[in-house]
């Protein structure tokens, strides 16, 4: 992944201490840590998934983290959205998240976007970032993130959770199926129950969001095997985790297929109520 400026960085004594456990890993080392500090990751959603994702990306030393969310902190969020605290209730989530991220690691530049992601702004939002983390709480935004990233050639990491189960997959242009290849169309309103209706174990969302951070770090470093062409499923009650093989790509996928029909982001295509992760 081409990142600018990494060769010009020199570590301070504090940074050598902060990242010491990374520096002794042969898969990271000095060069890898410089890649992380030069990287730019956009987290769409500052809720249950985005909380651990942003916090672990900050701890890892990802140099620029964008956080997008139009909501404010509610008391009911605190059961799972660990980036926020009781004192942040009523505050815009992006501001609360920025405070936490900065307190974890002052090396990180946080860019808060207190807006709702839409077909009209997502292309501009993702343009300056290397990796996109889908921590959204509704199907319309997830499909929008997928379509925008496919059209822009951006890698992104999908995550979702409900009750005691979670899912995770990574899209890398040219290396596997996209979200539409697997799920194709948005469910009709009310077809899939929301977290507000069925509940979700907070720690499950934390597991999936943490794994999204792991995937993002791997993509930045170019190490390991990302979850491309695989859908990871996690069942907390059975305590099982498995990666289900997926087809490489659906030739008739409307956005990444051989003859795509989705070539622009039409706002009418992305209308779906939130599920409340």
Protein backbone atom coordinates (compact mmCIF):
# COMPACT_ATOMS: atom_id res chain seq x y z
CA UNK A 1 0.00 0.00 0.00
CA UNK A 2 1.65 3.27 -1.06
CA UNK A 3 1.99 5.64 1.89
CA UNK A 4 3.81 8.96 1.72
CA UNK A 5 6.28 10.30 4.23
CA UNK A 6 7.16 7.10 6.07
CA UNK A 7 10.89 7.21 5.20
CA UNK A 8 11.32 10.68 6.66
CA UNK A 9 10.07 9.77 10.14
CA UNK A 10 12.42 9.54 13.10
CA UNK A 11 11.18 8.06 16.36
CA UNK A 12 11.34 10.02 19.59
CA UNK A 13 12.36 8.30 22.80
CA UNK A 14 8.71 8.26 23.88
CA UNK A 15 7.70 6.61 20.60
CA UNK A 16 10.41 3.97 20.93
CA UNK A 17 8.95 3.11 24.34
CA UNK A 18 5.28 3.37 23.25
CA UNK A 19 5.69 1.09 20.24
CA UNK A 20 8.36 -1.20 21.72
CA UNK A 21 6.12 -4.28 21.55
CA UNK A 22 5.52 -3.60 17.85
CA UNK A 23 9.16 -2.92 17.08
CA UNK A 24 10.24 -6.38 18.24
CA UNK A 25 7.71 -8.10 15.97
CA UNK A 26 9.44 -9.10 12.74
CA UNK A 27 6.19 -8.48 10.83
CA UNK A 28 6.18 -4.84 12.00
CA UNK A 29 9.54 -3.53 13.19
CA UNK A 30 10.70 0.02 12.51
CA UNK A 31 9.58 0.07 8.91
CA UNK A 32 6.12 -1.26 9.74
CA UNK A 33 5.61 1.22 12.55
CA UNK A 34 6.53 4.03 10.19
CA UNK A 35 3.89 2.71 7.79
CA UNK A 36 1.31 2.79 10.55
CA UNK A 37 2.21 6.35 11.54
CA UNK A 38 1.90 7.44 7.91
CA UNK A 39 -1.40 5.61 7.35
CA UNK A 40 -4.88 7.12 7.15
CA UNK A 41 -7.93 5.09 8.21
CA UNK A 42 -11.55 6.25 8.09
CA UNK A 43 -13.95 4.71 10.62
CA UNK A 44 -17.57 5.16 9.59
CA UNK A 45 -19.60 4.92 12.78
CA UNK A 46 -18.54 5.78 16.35
CA UNK A 47 -20.74 3.17 18.03
CA UNK A 48 -20.25 -0.41 19.18
CA UNK A 49 -18.00 -1.47 16.30
CA UNK A 50 -16.26 1.84 15.75
CA UNK A 51 -15.34 2.23 19.43
CA UNK A 52 -12.82 -0.64 19.75
CA UNK A 53 -11.75 -0.25 16.12
CA UNK A 54 -10.77 3.40 16.57
CA UNK A 55 -9.22 2.82 19.98
CA UNK A 56 -6.99 -0.04 18.83
CA UNK A 57 -6.02 1.80 15.64
CA UNK A 58 -5.00 4.75 17.80
CA UNK A 59 -3.05 2.53 20.20
CA UNK A 60 -1.29 0.93 17.22
CA UNK A 61 -0.12 4.34 16.06
CA UNK A 62 -2.19 4.81 12.91
CA UNK A 63 -1.27 8.41 12.18
CA UNK A 64 -4.58 9.79 10.92
CA UNK A 65 -7.96 8.45 11.96
CA UNK A 66 -11.14 9.92 10.54
CA UNK A 67 -14.35 9.24 12.48
CA UNK A 68 -17.77 9.80 10.91
CA UNK A 69 -21.04 9.86 12.87
CA UNK A 70 -23.98 12.24 13.06
CA UNK A 71 -25.35 10.99 16.40
CA UNK A 72 -24.89 12.07 20.02
CA UNK A 73 -23.99 9.85 22.96
CA UNK A 74 -27.02 8.29 24.66
CA UNK A 75 -27.05 6.45 28.00
CA UNK A 76 -28.16 3.25 26.25
CA UNK A 77 -24.98 3.37 24.11
CA UNK A 78 -22.64 2.88 27.05
CA UNK A 79 -23.35 -0.85 27.40
CA UNK A 80 -21.20 -1.47 24.31
CA UNK A 81 -19.79 1.79 22.89
CA UNK A 82 -16.69 1.89 25.08
CA UNK A 83 -15.11 4.93 23.46
CA UNK A 84 -17.70 7.05 25.32
CA UNK A 85 -18.25 7.55 29.05
CA UNK A 86 -21.10 8.67 31.26
CA UNK A 87 -19.80 12.24 31.20
CA UNK A 88 -20.09 12.27 27.40
CA UNK A 89 -23.87 11.71 27.29
CA UNK A 90 -25.39 14.35 25.04
CA UNK A 91 -22.08 15.10 23.30
CA UNK A 92 -21.62 14.42 19.57
CA UNK A 93 -20.12 10.95 19.29
CA UNK A 94 -17.30 12.14 17.04
CA UNK A 95 -16.20 14.69 19.64
CA UNK A 96 -16.36 12.15 22.46
CA UNK A 97 -14.47 9.61 20.33
CA UNK A 98 -11.83 12.19 19.39
CA UNK A 99 -11.21 12.95 23.07
CA UNK A 100 -10.66 9.27 23.85
CA UNK A 101 -8.45 8.62 20.84
CA UNK A 102 -6.26 11.64 21.63
CA UNK A 103 -5.95 10.56 25.26
CA UNK A 104 -4.80 7.11 24.13
CA UNK A 105 -2.16 8.38 21.72
CA UNK A 106 -1.19 12.01 21.07
CA UNK A 107 0.68 10.87 17.94
CA UNK A 108 -2.68 10.41 16.22
CA UNK A 109 -4.38 13.15 14.24
CA UNK A 110 -8.15 12.73 14.62
CA UNK A 111 -10.49 14.11 12.01
CA UNK A 112 -14.08 14.13 13.34
CA UNK A 113 -16.93 14.43 10.81
CA UNK A 114 -20.20 15.18 12.59
CA UNK A 115 -22.30 14.36 9.54
CA UNK A 116 -24.42 11.52 8.23
CA UNK A 117 -22.74 9.54 5.46
CA UNK A 118 -24.71 9.86 2.26
CA UNK A 119 -24.46 9.18 -1.45
CA UNK A 120 -23.64 12.86 -1.86
CA UNK A 121 -20.64 13.02 0.46
CA UNK A 122 -19.10 9.55 0.77
CA UNK A 123 -16.83 9.80 -2.28
CA UNK A 124 -15.22 12.93 -0.87
CA UNK A 125 -15.01 11.43 2.63
CA UNK A 126 -13.16 8.27 1.60
CA UNK A 127 -10.92 9.93 -0.99
CA UNK A 128 -8.10 10.82 1.40
CA UNK A 129 -7.93 7.53 3.28
CA UNK A 130 -6.02 4.28 2.72
CA UNK A 131 -8.47 1.90 4.45
CA UNK A 132 -12.16 2.28 5.32
CA UNK A 133 -13.70 0.57 8.37
CA UNK A 134 -17.44 -0.10 8.04
CA UNK A 135 -18.67 0.36 11.59
CA UNK A 136 -22.10 1.54 10.45
CA UNK A 137 -25.31 0.58 12.23
CA UNK A 138 -27.65 0.16 9.26
CA UNK A 139 -27.88 -1.72 5.99
CA UNK A 140 -28.22 1.32 3.75
CA UNK A 141 -24.88 2.72 4.91
CA UNK A 142 -23.20 -0.67 4.61
CA UNK A 143 -24.32 -1.04 1.00
CA UNK A 144 -23.32 2.57 0.34
CA UNK A 145 -19.84 2.03 1.81
CA UNK A 146 -19.41 -1.09 -0.31
CA UNK A 147 -20.50 0.56 -3.53
CA UNK A 148 -18.44 3.71 -2.93
CA UNK A 149 -15.31 1.72 -2.08
CA UNK A 150 -15.69 -0.56 -5.09
CA UNK A 151 -16.13 2.43 -7.40
CA UNK A 152 -13.17 4.24 -5.83
CA UNK A 153 -10.94 1.15 -5.61
CA UNK A 154 -10.63 1.43 -1.82
CA UNK A 155 -10.18 -1.52 0.57
CA UNK A 156 -12.69 -1.70 3.39
CA UNK A 157 -13.53 -3.94 6.32
CA UNK A 158 -17.14 -4.92 7.01
CA UNK A 159 -18.37 -5.84 10.47
CA UNK A 160 -21.78 -6.60 11.94
CA UNK A 161 -23.22 -7.98 15.18
CA UNK A 162 -26.59 -8.99 16.60
CA UNK A 163 -27.48 -10.75 19.87
CA UNK A 164 -24.55 -13.12 20.54
CA UNK A 165 -23.18 -13.35 16.99
CA UNK A 166 -20.94 -11.30 14.73
CA UNK A 167 -19.59 -11.26 11.17
CA UNK A 168 -16.50 -9.86 9.51
CA UNK A 169 -15.07 -9.70 6.00
CA UNK A 170 -12.54 -7.61 4.10
CA UNK A 171 -12.87 -6.26 0.60
CA UNK A 172 -9.70 -5.56 -1.35
CA UNK A 173 -10.10 -4.44 -4.99
CA UNK A 174 -9.35 -7.33 -7.32
CA UNK A 175 -8.86 -9.87 -4.51
CA UNK A 176 -12.29 -11.19 -3.63
CA UNK A 177 -16.03 -10.60 -3.56
CA UNK A 178 -17.64 -7.39 -2.36
CA UNK A 179 -20.53 -7.05 0.08
CA UNK A 180 -23.06 -7.06 -2.78
CA UNK A 181 -21.61 -10.28 -4.16
CA UNK A 182 -22.59 -11.96 -0.89
CA UNK A 183 -25.76 -10.17 0.22
CA UNK A 184 -26.81 -8.62 -3.13
CA UNK A 185 -29.82 -6.51 -2.07
CA UNK A 186 -30.82 -4.58 1.02
CA UNK A 187 -33.46 -6.34 3.11
CA UNK A 188 -36.87 -4.72 3.17
CA UNK A 189 -37.65 -2.47 6.12
CA UNK A 190 -38.50 -4.66 9.12
CA UNK A 191 -37.31 -7.87 7.45
CA UNK A 192 -34.24 -8.13 9.69
CA UNK A 193 -34.74 -7.23 13.38
CA UNK A 194 -32.59 -4.45 14.79
CA UNK A 195 -30.29 -4.57 17.78
CA UNK A 196 -32.74 -2.29 19.56
CA UNK A 197 -35.42 -4.95 19.06
CA UNK A 198 -33.41 -8.11 19.77
CA UNK A 199 -30.45 -6.84 21.79
CA UNK A 200 -26.71 -7.42 21.45
CA UNK A 201 -24.03 -8.48 23.92
CA UNK A 202 -21.66 -5.54 24.17
CA UNK A 203 -18.54 -7.68 24.29
CA UNK A 204 -19.52 -9.36 21.00
CA UNK A 205 -19.53 -6.01 19.24
CA UNK A 206 -16.19 -5.34 20.89
CA UNK A 207 -14.73 -8.57 19.52
CA UNK A 208 -15.80 -7.77 15.95
CA UNK A 209 -14.65 -4.14 16.14
CA UNK A 210 -11.27 -5.23 17.51
CA UNK A 211 -10.91 -7.70 14.64
CA UNK A 212 -11.69 -4.90 12.19
CA UNK A 213 -8.74 -3.00 13.65
CA UNK A 214 -6.56 -6.11 13.21
CA UNK A 215 -7.58 -6.39 9.56
CA UNK A 216 -6.87 -2.69 8.95
CA UNK A 217 -3.41 -2.96 10.50
CA UNK A 218 -2.65 -6.05 8.40
CA UNK A 219 -3.67 -4.23 5.22
CA UNK A 220 -1.49 -1.25 6.09
CA UNK A 221 1.51 -3.45 6.85
CA UNK A 222 0.91 -5.89 4.00
CA UNK A 223 1.26 -8.88 6.34
CA UNK A 224 -0.77 -12.01 6.92
CA UNK A 225 -3.86 -13.13 5.07
CA UNK A 226 -6.80 -10.71 5.04
CA UNK A 227 -10.40 -11.95 5.18
CA UNK A 228 -10.88 -11.68 1.45
CA UNK A 229 -13.06 -14.38 -0.14
CA UNK A 230 -13.96 -15.45 3.42
CA UNK A 231 -16.73 -14.47 5.83
CA UNK A 232 -15.73 -14.87 9.46
CA UNK A 233 -18.56 -15.74 11.82
CA UNK A 234 -18.37 -15.57 15.61
CA UNK A 235 -20.85 -17.25 17.96
CA UNK A 236 -20.29 -16.18 21.56
CA UNK A 237 -22.73 -18.67 23.11
CA UNK A 238 -20.98 -21.63 21.49
CA UNK A 239 -17.63 -19.78 21.58
CA UNK A 240 -16.86 -20.73 18.00
CA UNK A 241 -15.18 -18.70 15.31
CA UNK A 242 -14.82 -19.85 11.72
CA UNK A 243 -14.02 -18.38 8.34
CA UNK A 244 -16.49 -19.54 5.69
CA UNK A 245 -15.01 -19.67 2.15
CA UNK A 246 -16.73 -17.41 -0.36
CA UNK A 247 -16.65 -17.35 -4.16
CA UNK A 248 -13.91 -15.15 -5.54
CA UNK A 249 -16.38 -12.74 -7.16
CA UNK A 250 -19.88 -12.89 -8.62
CA UNK A 251 -19.58 -12.17 -12.36
CA UNK A 252 -23.08 -10.68 -12.36
CA UNK A 253 -22.57 -8.50 -9.27
CA UNK A 254 -24.19 -5.14 -10.05
CA UNK A 255 -21.24 -3.14 -8.75
CA UNK A 256 -18.04 -5.21 -9.16
CA UNK A 257 -19.18 -7.70 -11.81
CA UNK A 258 -18.27 -7.96 -15.45
CA UNK A 259 -21.13 -5.71 -16.55
CA UNK A 260 -21.87 -3.42 -13.59
CA UNK A 261 -25.17 -1.57 -13.45
CA UNK A 262 -24.23 0.50 -10.40
CA UNK A 263 -21.78 3.06 -11.72
CA UNK A 264 -22.95 6.08 -9.73
CA UNK A 265 -24.24 6.53 -6.19
CA UNK A 266 -27.96 7.20 -6.58
CA UNK A 267 -29.38 8.40 -3.21
CA UNK A 268 -32.67 6.58 -3.88
CA UNK A 269 -30.81 3.26 -3.73
CA UNK A 270 -29.77 3.69 -0.09
CA UNK A 271 -32.90 4.07 2.02
CA UNK A 272 -33.14 1.83 5.07
CA UNK A 273 -33.82 2.48 8.76
CA UNK A 274 -30.99 2.13 11.29
CA UNK A 275 -30.51 -1.11 13.20
CA UNK A 276 -28.93 0.55 16.20
CA UNK A 277 -25.59 -1.23 16.73
